[in-house]
Amino acid sequence: TGIMKLVETLDSGPVSNIHKIKLDQNNNAEEISEKLSFLAAKKILDEIDDILDDKAKFIDQDHSKASYAKKIEKIEGEINWNDEAQKIIGKINLISAR
């Protein structure tokens, strides 16, 4: 998580103070969202202070490493009980996060 300057294109502005969290394959979207929310709440006041004190250093993102995530359609959440267990678990984790 970090602070991003807004620019005309989506998610492409320069960023300041990137903070990371540890994830494992058992985390679902809801757990990741909670971890990121907690981290952002913990860091936001320091980030704002840096901006107001002109101490924030914004760095351009490397757009060659970016990937596009398409919108998830409702039909993609439909469970086929003949699929492999990992695929079914992935769908359940995705649905439970909404």
N, C-alpha and C. Protein backbone atom coordinates (compact mmCIF):
# COMPACT_ATOMS: atom_id res chain seq x y z
N THR A 1 0.84 -1.17 0.00
CA THR A 1 0.00 0.00 0.00
C THR A 1 0.89 1.23 0.00
N GLY A 2 0.39 2.34 -0.46
CA GLY A 2 1.13 3.59 -0.51
C GLY A 2 0.25 4.70 -1.02
N ILE A 3 0.84 5.85 -1.22
CA ILE A 3 0.11 7.01 -1.74
C ILE A 3 0.42 7.13 -3.23
N MET A 4 -0.62 7.37 -4.04
CA MET A 4 -0.43 7.53 -5.47
C MET A 4 -0.99 8.87 -5.90
N LYS A 5 -0.22 9.60 -6.70
CA LYS A 5 -0.73 10.83 -7.29
C LYS A 5 -1.72 10.46 -8.39
N LEU A 6 -2.79 11.21 -8.48
CA LEU A 6 -3.79 10.96 -9.52
C LEU A 6 -3.33 11.54 -10.84
N VAL A 7 -3.48 10.75 -11.87
CA VAL A 7 -3.23 11.18 -13.24
C VAL A 7 -4.43 10.75 -14.07
N GLU A 8 -4.45 11.15 -15.32
CA GLU A 8 -5.62 10.90 -16.16
C GLU A 8 -5.89 9.41 -16.38
N THR A 9 -4.86 8.58 -16.50
CA THR A 9 -5.07 7.15 -16.73
C THR A 9 -5.16 6.41 -15.40
N LEU A 10 -5.87 5.30 -15.40
CA LEU A 10 -6.16 4.53 -14.19
C LEU A 10 -4.90 3.87 -13.62
N ASP A 11 -4.70 4.02 -12.32
CA ASP A 11 -3.62 3.34 -11.58
C ASP A 11 -2.24 3.50 -12.22
N SER A 12 -1.93 4.68 -12.67
CA SER A 12 -0.65 4.85 -13.36
C SER A 12 0.19 6.01 -12.83
N GLY A 13 -0.27 6.68 -11.78
CA GLY A 13 0.45 7.82 -11.24
C GLY A 13 1.67 7.41 -10.43
N PRO A 14 2.57 8.37 -10.16
CA PRO A 14 3.74 8.09 -9.34
C PRO A 14 3.34 7.76 -7.91
N VAL A 15 4.13 6.92 -7.24
CA VAL A 15 3.80 6.45 -5.89
C VAL A 15 4.86 6.87 -4.89
N SER A 16 4.44 6.95 -3.63
CA SER A 16 5.33 7.32 -2.54
C SER A 16 5.22 6.29 -1.43
N ASN A 17 6.34 5.95 -0.83
CA ASN A 17 6.39 5.07 0.35
C ASN A 17 5.56 3.81 0.19
N ILE A 18 6.08 2.88 -0.55
CA ILE A 18 5.39 1.61 -0.76
C ILE A 18 5.59 0.74 0.48
N HIS A 19 4.50 0.19 0.99
CA HIS A 19 4.53 -0.70 2.15
C HIS A 19 4.02 -2.06 1.71
N LYS A 20 4.65 -3.12 2.20
CA LYS A 20 4.29 -4.47 1.78
C LYS A 20 3.73 -5.28 2.95
N ILE A 21 2.93 -6.29 2.59
CA ILE A 21 2.43 -7.24 3.57
C ILE A 21 2.80 -8.64 3.09
N LYS A 22 2.86 -9.58 4.02
CA LYS A 22 3.16 -10.96 3.66
C LYS A 22 1.86 -11.70 3.39
N LEU A 23 1.82 -12.41 2.27
CA LEU A 23 0.65 -13.19 1.89
C LEU A 23 1.07 -14.65 1.72
N ASP A 24 0.11 -15.54 1.91
CA ASP A 24 0.35 -16.93 1.55
C ASP A 24 -0.83 -17.43 0.73
N GLN A 25 -0.71 -18.62 0.19
CA GLN A 25 -1.73 -19.09 -0.74
C GLN A 25 -3.07 -19.36 -0.07
N ASN A 26 -3.11 -19.37 1.26
CA ASN A 26 -4.37 -19.61 1.96
C ASN A 26 -5.16 -18.33 2.23
N ASN A 27 -4.57 -17.14 1.95
CA ASN A 27 -5.29 -15.89 2.16
C ASN A 27 -6.38 -15.74 1.11
N ASN A 28 -7.57 -15.33 1.55
CA ASN A 28 -8.61 -15.03 0.57
C ASN A 28 -8.69 -13.51 0.41
N ALA A 29 -9.52 -13.05 -0.50
CA ALA A 29 -9.59 -11.62 -0.81
C ALA A 29 -10.01 -10.80 0.40
N GLU A 30 -10.91 -11.33 1.22
CA GLU A 30 -11.37 -10.59 2.40
C GLU A 30 -10.22 -10.41 3.40
N GLU A 31 -9.44 -11.45 3.63
CA GLU A 31 -8.30 -11.36 4.55
C GLU A 31 -7.26 -10.36 4.04
N ILE A 32 -6.99 -10.40 2.75
CA ILE A 32 -6.02 -9.47 2.16
C ILE A 32 -6.52 -8.05 2.29
N SER A 33 -7.80 -7.83 2.03
CA SER A 33 -8.39 -6.50 2.16
C SER A 33 -8.26 -5.99 3.60
N GLU A 34 -8.50 -6.85 4.58
CA GLU A 34 -8.37 -6.46 5.98
C GLU A 34 -6.93 -6.10 6.33
N LYS A 35 -5.97 -6.90 5.85
CA LYS A 35 -4.56 -6.62 6.11
C LYS A 35 -4.16 -5.27 5.51
N LEU A 36 -4.59 -5.02 4.26
CA LEU A 36 -4.25 -3.77 3.59
C LEU A 36 -4.92 -2.57 4.27
N SER A 37 -6.15 -2.75 4.69
CA SER A 37 -6.86 -1.66 5.40
C SER A 37 -6.16 -1.31 6.70
N PHE A 38 -5.74 -2.32 7.45
CA PHE A 38 -5.05 -2.09 8.71
C PHE A 38 -3.73 -1.36 8.47
N LEU A 39 -2.97 -1.81 7.47
CA LEU A 39 -1.69 -1.17 7.16
C LEU A 39 -1.90 0.27 6.71
N ALA A 40 -2.87 0.51 5.84
CA ALA A 40 -3.14 1.87 5.35
C ALA A 40 -3.54 2.79 6.49
N ALA A 41 -4.40 2.30 7.39
CA ALA A 41 -4.82 3.12 8.54
C ALA A 41 -3.64 3.47 9.43
N LYS A 42 -2.71 2.53 9.55
CA LYS A 42 -1.53 2.73 10.40
C LYS A 42 -0.56 3.76 9.80
N LYS A 43 -0.47 3.80 8.48
CA LYS A 43 0.54 4.62 7.80
C LYS A 43 0.03 5.96 7.27
N ILE A 44 -1.27 6.15 7.12
CA ILE A 44 -1.81 7.30 6.40
C ILE A 44 -1.42 8.65 7.00
N LEU A 45 -1.43 8.76 8.32
CA LEU A 45 -1.11 10.06 8.93
C LEU A 45 0.34 10.46 8.67
N ASP A 46 1.27 9.48 8.74
CA ASP A 46 2.67 9.77 8.41
C ASP A 46 2.81 10.19 6.96
N GLU A 47 2.07 9.52 6.08
CA GLU A 47 2.11 9.85 4.65
C GLU A 47 1.63 11.28 4.41
N ILE A 48 0.52 11.64 5.05
CA ILE A 48 -0.03 13.00 4.88
C ILE A 48 0.93 14.04 5.44
N ASP A 49 1.52 13.74 6.61
CA ASP A 49 2.51 14.67 7.19
C ASP A 49 3.68 14.89 6.23
N ASP A 50 4.18 13.81 5.62
CA ASP A 50 5.28 13.93 4.66
C ASP A 50 4.89 14.82 3.48
N ILE A 51 3.68 14.66 2.98
CA ILE A 51 3.23 15.48 1.86
C ILE A 51 3.13 16.94 2.27
N LEU A 52 2.53 17.20 3.42
CA LEU A 52 2.38 18.58 3.90
C LEU A 52 3.72 19.23 4.21
N ASP A 53 4.69 18.45 4.68
CA ASP A 53 6.03 18.97 4.99
C ASP A 53 6.95 18.96 3.78
N ASP A 54 6.42 18.61 2.62
CA ASP A 54 7.18 18.54 1.36
C ASP A 54 8.33 17.54 1.44
N LYS A 55 8.13 16.46 2.19
CA LYS A 55 9.15 15.42 2.33
C LYS A 55 8.84 14.18 1.50
N ALA A 56 7.64 14.11 0.95
CA ALA A 56 7.24 12.93 0.18
C ALA A 56 7.99 12.89 -1.14
N LYS A 57 8.51 11.72 -1.47
CA LYS A 57 9.21 11.52 -2.74
C LYS A 57 8.38 10.56 -3.59
N PHE A 58 7.87 11.07 -4.69
CA PHE A 58 7.03 10.26 -5.57
C PHE A 58 7.89 9.70 -6.71
N ILE A 59 7.73 8.41 -6.97
CA ILE A 59 8.51 7.71 -7.99
C ILE A 59 7.56 7.18 -9.05
N ASP A 60 7.92 7.40 -10.33
CA ASP A 60 7.10 6.88 -11.42
C ASP A 60 7.07 5.35 -11.37
N GLN A 61 5.92 4.78 -11.72
CA GLN A 61 5.79 3.33 -11.77
C GLN A 61 6.43 2.80 -13.06
N ASP A 62 6.90 1.56 -13.00
CA ASP A 62 7.44 0.89 -14.19
C ASP A 62 6.27 0.25 -14.92
N HIS A 63 5.74 0.94 -15.92
CA HIS A 63 4.54 0.47 -16.61
C HIS A 63 4.79 -0.79 -17.44
N SER A 64 6.06 -1.12 -17.71
CA SER A 64 6.34 -2.35 -18.46
C SER A 64 6.06 -3.59 -17.59
N LYS A 65 5.94 -3.40 -16.26
CA LYS A 65 5.66 -4.52 -15.37
C LYS A 65 4.17 -4.60 -14.99
N ALA A 66 3.38 -3.72 -15.54
CA ALA A 66 1.95 -3.68 -15.22
C ALA A 66 1.20 -4.78 -15.96
N SER A 67 0.13 -5.24 -15.36
CA SER A 67 -0.75 -6.20 -16.03
C SER A 67 -2.19 -5.70 -15.90
N TYR A 68 -3.02 -6.10 -16.81
CA TYR A 68 -4.41 -5.68 -16.82
C TYR A 68 -5.28 -6.78 -16.24
N ALA A 69 -6.13 -6.43 -15.29
CA ALA A 69 -7.08 -7.39 -14.72
C ALA A 69 -8.47 -7.00 -15.22
N LYS A 70 -9.06 -7.88 -15.99
CA LYS A 70 -10.38 -7.58 -16.53
C LYS A 70 -11.44 -7.68 -15.44
N LYS A 71 -12.56 -7.06 -15.69
CA LYS A 71 -13.69 -7.11 -14.76
C LYS A 71 -14.16 -8.56 -14.61
N ILE A 72 -14.42 -8.95 -13.37
CA ILE A 72 -14.92 -10.30 -13.11
C ILE A 72 -16.43 -10.30 -13.33
N GLU A 73 -16.87 -11.17 -14.20
CA GLU A 73 -18.29 -11.27 -14.52
C GLU A 73 -18.98 -12.22 -13.53
N LYS A 74 -20.25 -12.01 -13.27
CA LYS A 74 -21.02 -12.81 -12.32
C LYS A 74 -20.95 -14.30 -12.67
N ILE A 75 -21.02 -14.62 -13.93
CA ILE A 75 -21.02 -16.02 -14.36
C ILE A 75 -19.72 -16.73 -13.95
N GLU A 76 -18.63 -15.99 -13.79
CA GLU A 76 -17.36 -16.59 -13.41
C GLU A 76 -17.38 -17.11 -11.97
N GLY A 77 -18.35 -16.66 -11.17
CA GLY A 77 -18.48 -17.14 -9.80
C GLY A 77 -19.29 -18.42 -9.68
N GLU A 78 -19.89 -18.85 -10.80
CA GLU A 78 -20.69 -20.08 -10.78
C GLU A 78 -19.78 -21.28 -10.54
N ILE A 79 -20.17 -22.13 -9.60
CA ILE A 79 -19.33 -23.27 -9.23
C ILE A 79 -19.76 -24.52 -9.99
N ASN A 80 -18.78 -25.14 -10.64
CA ASN A 80 -18.98 -26.43 -11.28
C ASN A 80 -18.39 -27.47 -10.34
N TRP A 81 -19.22 -28.27 -9.72
CA TRP A 81 -18.75 -29.20 -8.70
C TRP A 81 -17.91 -30.33 -9.28
N ASN A 82 -17.77 -30.38 -10.59
CA ASN A 82 -16.88 -31.37 -11.21
C ASN A 82 -15.46 -30.81 -11.40
N ASP A 83 -15.25 -29.51 -11.11
CA ASP A 83 -13.92 -28.90 -11.22
C ASP A 83 -13.01 -29.42 -10.12
N GLU A 84 -11.70 -29.15 -10.27
CA GLU A 84 -10.73 -29.52 -9.23
C GLU A 84 -11.00 -28.70 -7.97
N ALA A 85 -10.65 -29.27 -6.82
CA ALA A 85 -10.92 -28.64 -5.52
C ALA A 85 -10.30 -27.25 -5.45
N GLN A 86 -9.07 -27.07 -5.94
CA GLN A 86 -8.40 -25.75 -5.87
C GLN A 86 -9.19 -24.68 -6.61
N LYS A 87 -9.75 -25.04 -7.76
CA LYS A 87 -10.53 -24.09 -8.55
C LYS A 87 -11.81 -23.72 -7.80
N ILE A 88 -12.46 -24.69 -7.20
CA ILE A 88 -13.68 -24.43 -6.43
C ILE A 88 -13.37 -23.55 -5.22
N ILE A 89 -12.31 -23.85 -4.50
CA ILE A 89 -11.91 -23.05 -3.33
C ILE A 89 -11.62 -21.62 -3.75
N GLY A 90 -10.92 -21.45 -4.87
CA GLY A 90 -10.63 -20.10 -5.38
C GLY A 90 -11.90 -19.30 -5.65
N LYS A 91 -12.90 -19.94 -6.24
CA LYS A 91 -14.17 -19.26 -6.50
C LYS A 91 -14.89 -18.91 -5.21
N ILE A 92 -14.88 -19.82 -4.24
CA ILE A 92 -15.53 -19.56 -2.96
C ILE A 92 -14.86 -18.39 -2.25
N ASN A 93 -13.53 -18.35 -2.27
CA ASN A 93 -12.81 -17.24 -1.65
C ASN A 93 -13.14 -15.92 -2.34
N LEU A 94 -13.26 -15.93 -3.66
CA LEU A 94 -13.59 -14.74 -4.41
C LEU A 94 -15.00 -14.27 -4.06
N ILE A 95 -15.95 -15.18 -4.01
CA ILE A 95 -17.34 -14.84 -3.72
C ILE A 95 -17.49 -14.33 -2.30
N SER A 96 -16.80 -14.96 -1.33
CA SER A 96 -16.96 -14.58 0.08
C SER A 96 -16.38 -13.20 0.36
N ALA A 97 -15.52 -12.70 -0.51
CA ALA A 97 -14.92 -11.38 -0.31
C ALA A 97 -15.84 -10.25 -0.78
N ARG A 98 -16.87 -10.55 -1.51
CA ARG A 98 -17.75 -9.52 -2.05
C ARG A 98 -18.75 -9.05 -1.06
